Amino acid sequence: MIDELIKILNRENIEWEIYWEVGRGSSFKIEKCELERAQRKYHSGIGLRVGYKGKQGFSYITGINHSKEDLERFVKKTMKLAKVG
């Protein structure tokens, strides 16, 4: 998926940086030496910064499983933000 995003970005006349994160966390509630609750959470996302004609735009999407069309919209949105920024 990141390879597909890079292909899309390389077709545009822009500078770009990708920030990609995947992580997990755990939390526990213990009361009177008894485990009341345990949770494990996973998070992931992609941030994109582009430079376009001396201006910068930044946006992000959550998750890491996106279609080619989703990634193209993501790039276009970020470029649009750079144009007004």
C-alpha atoms as a PDB file:
ATOM      1  CA  MET A   1       0.000   0.000   0.000  1.00  0.00           C
ATOM      2  CA  ILE A   2       2.814   2.437   0.780  1.00  0.00           C
ATOM      3  CA  ASP A   3       4.409   1.445  -2.537  1.00  0.00           C
ATOM      4  CA  GLU A   4       1.183   2.422  -4.307  1.00  0.00           C
ATOM      5  CA  LEU A   5       1.114   5.762  -2.491  1.00  0.00           C
ATOM      6  CA  ILE A   6       4.709   6.437  -3.556  1.00  0.00           C
ATOM      7  CA  LYS A   7       3.824   5.672  -7.200  1.00  0.00           C
ATOM      8  CA  ILE A   8       0.945   8.154  -7.058  1.00  0.00           C
ATOM      9  CA  LEU A   9       3.139  10.828  -5.466  1.00  0.00           C
ATOM     10  CA  ASN A  10       5.919  10.348  -8.010  1.00  0.00           C
ATOM     11  CA  ARG A  11       3.468  11.108 -10.844  1.00  0.00           C
ATOM     12  CA  GLU A  12       2.851  14.583  -9.409  1.00  0.00           C
ATOM     13  CA  ASN A  13       5.218  17.543  -9.666  1.00  0.00           C
ATOM     14  CA  ILE A  14       5.547  17.938  -5.891  1.00  0.00           C
ATOM     15  CA  GLU A  15       7.904  17.354  -3.004  1.00  0.00           C
ATOM     16  CA  TRP A  16       6.543  14.961  -0.407  1.00  0.00           C
ATOM     17  CA  GLU A  17       7.118  13.226   2.919  1.00  0.00           C
ATOM     18  CA  ILE A  18       5.214  10.242   4.278  1.00  0.00           C
ATOM     19  CA  TYR A  19       4.738   9.570   8.001  1.00  0.00           C
ATOM     20  CA  TRP A  20       3.511   6.050   8.683  1.00  0.00           C
ATOM     21  CA  GLU A  21       2.702   4.715  12.131  1.00  0.00           C
ATOM     22  CA  VAL A  22       1.432   1.421  13.473  1.00  0.00           C
ATOM     23  CA  GLY A  23       1.206   0.769  17.184  1.00  0.00           C
ATOM     24  CA  ARG A  24      -0.676  -0.797  20.027  1.00  0.00           C
ATOM     25  CA  GLY A  25      -1.373  -0.080  23.640  1.00  0.00           C
ATOM     26  CA  SER A  26      -2.800  -1.901  26.610  1.00  0.00           C
ATOM     27  CA  SER A  27      -4.705  -0.739  29.651  1.00  0.00           C
ATOM     28  CA  PHE A  28      -5.831  -2.553  32.764  1.00  0.00           C
ATOM     29  CA  LYS A  29      -8.193  -1.743  35.602  1.00  0.00           C
ATOM     30  CA  ILE A  30      -7.350  -3.508  38.841  1.00  0.00           C
ATOM     31  CA  GLU A  31      -9.455  -3.021  41.930  1.00  0.00           C
ATOM     32  CA  LYS A  32      -8.790  -4.736  45.267  1.00  0.00           C
ATOM     33  CA  CYS A  33      -6.230  -7.034  43.627  1.00  0.00           C
ATOM     34  CA  GLU A  34      -8.799  -8.166  41.047  1.00  0.00           C
ATOM     35  CA  LEU A  35      -8.532  -7.528  37.332  1.00  0.00           C
ATOM     36  CA  GLU A  36     -11.695  -5.631  36.400  1.00  0.00           C
ATOM     37  CA  ARG A  37     -10.915  -4.881  32.776  1.00  0.00           C
ATOM     38  CA  ALA A  38      -8.159  -5.377  30.224  1.00  0.00           C
ATOM     39  CA  GLN A  39      -8.037  -3.688  26.830  1.00  0.00           C
ATOM     40  CA  ARG A  40      -5.655  -3.828  23.928  1.00  0.00           C
ATOM     41  CA  LYS A  41      -5.951  -1.155  21.269  1.00  0.00           C
ATOM     42  CA  TYR A  42      -4.279  -0.968  17.897  1.00  0.00           C
ATOM     43  CA  HIS A  43      -3.805   2.220  15.911  1.00  0.00           C
ATOM     44  CA  SER A  44      -2.350   3.070  12.544  1.00  0.00           C
ATOM     45  CA  GLY A  45      -2.302   5.912  10.106  1.00  0.00           C
ATOM     46  CA  ILE A  46      -0.492   7.763   7.377  1.00  0.00           C
ATOM     47  CA  GLY A  47       0.433  11.433   7.391  1.00  0.00           C
ATOM     48  CA  LEU A  48       1.423  13.205   4.197  1.00  0.00           C
ATOM     49  CA  ARG A  49       3.159  16.532   3.762  1.00  0.00           C
ATOM     50  CA  VAL A  50       3.572  17.969   0.273  1.00  0.00           C
ATOM     51  CA  GLY A  51       5.379  20.988  -1.081  1.00  0.00           C
ATOM     52  CA  TYR A  52       3.736  22.623  -4.089  1.00  0.00           C
ATOM     53  CA  LYS A  53       4.929  25.892  -5.643  1.00  0.00           C
ATOM     54  CA  GLY A  54       6.570  27.022  -2.403  1.00  0.00           C
ATOM     55  CA  LYS A  55       3.579  26.169  -0.204  1.00  0.00           C
ATOM     56  CA  GLN A  56       2.957  23.198   2.073  1.00  0.00           C
ATOM     57  CA  GLY A  57      -0.054  21.061   2.801  1.00  0.00           C
ATOM     58  CA  PHE A  58      -0.526  18.303   5.360  1.00  0.00           C
ATOM     59  CA  SER A  59      -3.244  15.713   5.875  1.00  0.00           C
ATOM     60  CA  TYR A  60      -3.607  12.245   7.339  1.00  0.00           C
ATOM     61  CA  ILE A  61      -5.763   9.157   7.096  1.00  0.00           C
ATOM     62  CA  THR A  62      -6.325   6.527   9.746  1.00  0.00           C
ATOM     63  CA  GLY A  63      -5.709   2.877   9.062  1.00  0.00           C
ATOM     64  CA  ILE A  64      -3.253   1.365   6.620  1.00  0.00           C
ATOM     65  CA  ASN A  65      -5.490  -0.635   4.273  1.00  0.00           C
ATOM     66  CA  HIS A  66      -6.693   1.734   1.561  1.00  0.00           C
ATOM     67  CA  SER A  67      -7.623   1.288  -2.074  1.00  0.00           C
ATOM     68  CA  LYS A  68      -5.721   2.980  -4.883  1.00  0.00           C
ATOM     69  CA  GLU A  69      -8.671   5.357  -5.314  1.00  0.00           C
ATOM     70  CA  ASP A  70      -8.579   6.274  -1.605  1.00  0.00           C
ATOM     71  CA  LEU A  71      -4.864   7.016  -1.871  1.00  0.00           C
ATOM     72  CA  GLU A  72      -5.362   9.161  -4.985  1.00  0.00           C
ATOM     73  CA  ARG A  73      -8.036  11.203  -3.166  1.00  0.00           C
ATOM     74  CA  PHE A  74      -5.686  11.513  -0.181  1.00  0.00           C
ATOM     75  CA  VAL A  75      -2.912  12.940  -2.382  1.00  0.00           C
ATOM     76  CA  LYS A  76      -5.286  15.318  -4.212  1.00  0.00           C
ATOM     77  CA  LYS A  77      -6.701  16.568  -0.892  1.00  0.00           C
ATOM     78  CA  THR A  78      -3.219  17.242   0.462  1.00  0.00           C
ATOM     79  CA  MET A  79      -2.200  19.043  -2.738  1.00  0.00           C
ATOM     80  CA  LYS A  80      -5.353  21.170  -2.556  1.00  0.00           C
ATOM     81  CA  LEU A  81      -4.460  22.181   1.004  1.00  0.00           C
ATOM     82  CA  ALA A  82      -0.969  23.170  -0.166  1.00  0.00           C
ATOM     83  CA  LYS A  83      -2.424  25.348  -2.924  1.00  0.00           C
ATOM     84  CA  VAL A  84      -4.441  27.402  -0.424  1.00  0.00           C
ATOM     85  CA  GLY A  85      -1.784  27.288   2.310  1.00  0.00           C
END
